[in-house]
Amino acid sequence: MVLIDTEFDDASGSAPRLFVAPWRDAELADAEWDTLAASAAEPNPFFERPFLRASLEAFDSQGKVKLALLRIDGKLAGLLPLHNARAYYGRPIPHVASWLHDNAFCGVPLIARGFETIFWSMLLRWVDQNSGLAAFLHLPGIPESCAPDAALTVLTQEDNRANGVVERDVRALLASQLSPENYFEQSLSTKKRKELRRQARRLAEHGELSVDRAETPEAIGAFADTFLALEAQSWKGRAGSSLANDPACARFFRESLLGAAQTGRVEGLSLRLDGEPIAMLATFLTSPGAFSFKTTFDERFARYSPGVLLQKENLDLLQRGEIAWCDSCAAPDHPMIDHFWREQRSVVSRNIAIGGGLRRALGNRLIAFESARHAVPKTTESRS
């Protein structure tokens, strides 16, 4: 385990320390991990214990991923998974990066409120001293202008360290003071609302429609198994890309949802026809926000838009007092959700210069070249 001390002191005078070790060797208790997640400056379910541990077990069996843990007076104040990558978007450029996989949609570290600058300072110091052949630090999936992102921007400016946005996605966000009914009325045109009501009536001709919400571990376990089976019957199953096509992915999906249910941080929403689900949505509940994780539907009823009808029911999130917004986790310009959720969120990937003078000079040139395409942000209504 690598240990880094710093000159910073917290209010009690205890020097913060950063511990970096392979995740299997990291000294990390479940309770302190959960406490950090619940009080993080910016929520991220993909680095919370249920999701990240299931991900590491499924996709890093060799234990190469490291956990960077910030401790202050012995208490956990920051967490970020890291790995050494040899290639960068197909190019042979070694770098240090936060670790995400294809089913993880946010990369902001879990950091206790007020300790964002200390976390980044110590992490950058560690990367400077342990960069090996790495050309830069790559941080994908950061909500732009959130508290950790803002602290990183100020810190790198003060340190004269290059910090470039090398990718920017704008994805749909649900955030409104309106009631579900009023949001639905204002989001969709009269013609589209009329069409959805017609589709719901036609669908109801096939049987009794009902909506089910699963939150307990027992209910979520059944939800996960049914979701996997339903998705496997879709085009994803035929293409070999459904979660159930890969045993590791299926195991990760079940375990991440079950773990989140044990801490009350997930909802499984289902639209049912005569008791059988025809559309399903898993959402992580990470007060003050939420994240739509995975959705699927029964293609036999595609003409009735069951996924859209389910999203109408999902607007009930607006009535949850502890939830102020929900990240769609959808690709930009998604053909369905972008026409339903009217707000937007900007998510960026940043490259940070690291190391000594020569390495930083090289990193500065690489970052400047790549970030030039993103110098002018897209116009959005992003939540900061």
Foldseek 3Di string as FASTA:
>chain_A
DDKDWDPDAPPVRFTKMKDKDQPVPDDDDLVLLVVLQQQFLDHFLCPGDQQVVLCCVLPVVVRQKMWIFIAHPNGTFKIFIKHWDQADPNHRAIAIETDDDPQGQAHDIRGHPPCLLVVVVRVQVVCQVVVVRHLWYKTFHYFPPRPNNVSNVVVCVVVVWDKFFLDKFKAFKAFDLDALVVLQPVLDDPVVVVLLVVLVVVLCVQAHKDKDKDQALVRLLVLLVLQQVQQCPDVCVVVLNGLVSDPSSSSSSNRSSSVLSVVRFKMKMFIDGVRRGFKIWIKGHRFQAIETRDIDGHPVSVVSPVVLVSVSVVSNLSVDPRYRMYTDSDGHPDVRVCSRRPAITMTTMMIIQGYDDVSSVSSNVVRCVSRVVCPDPDDHRHDD
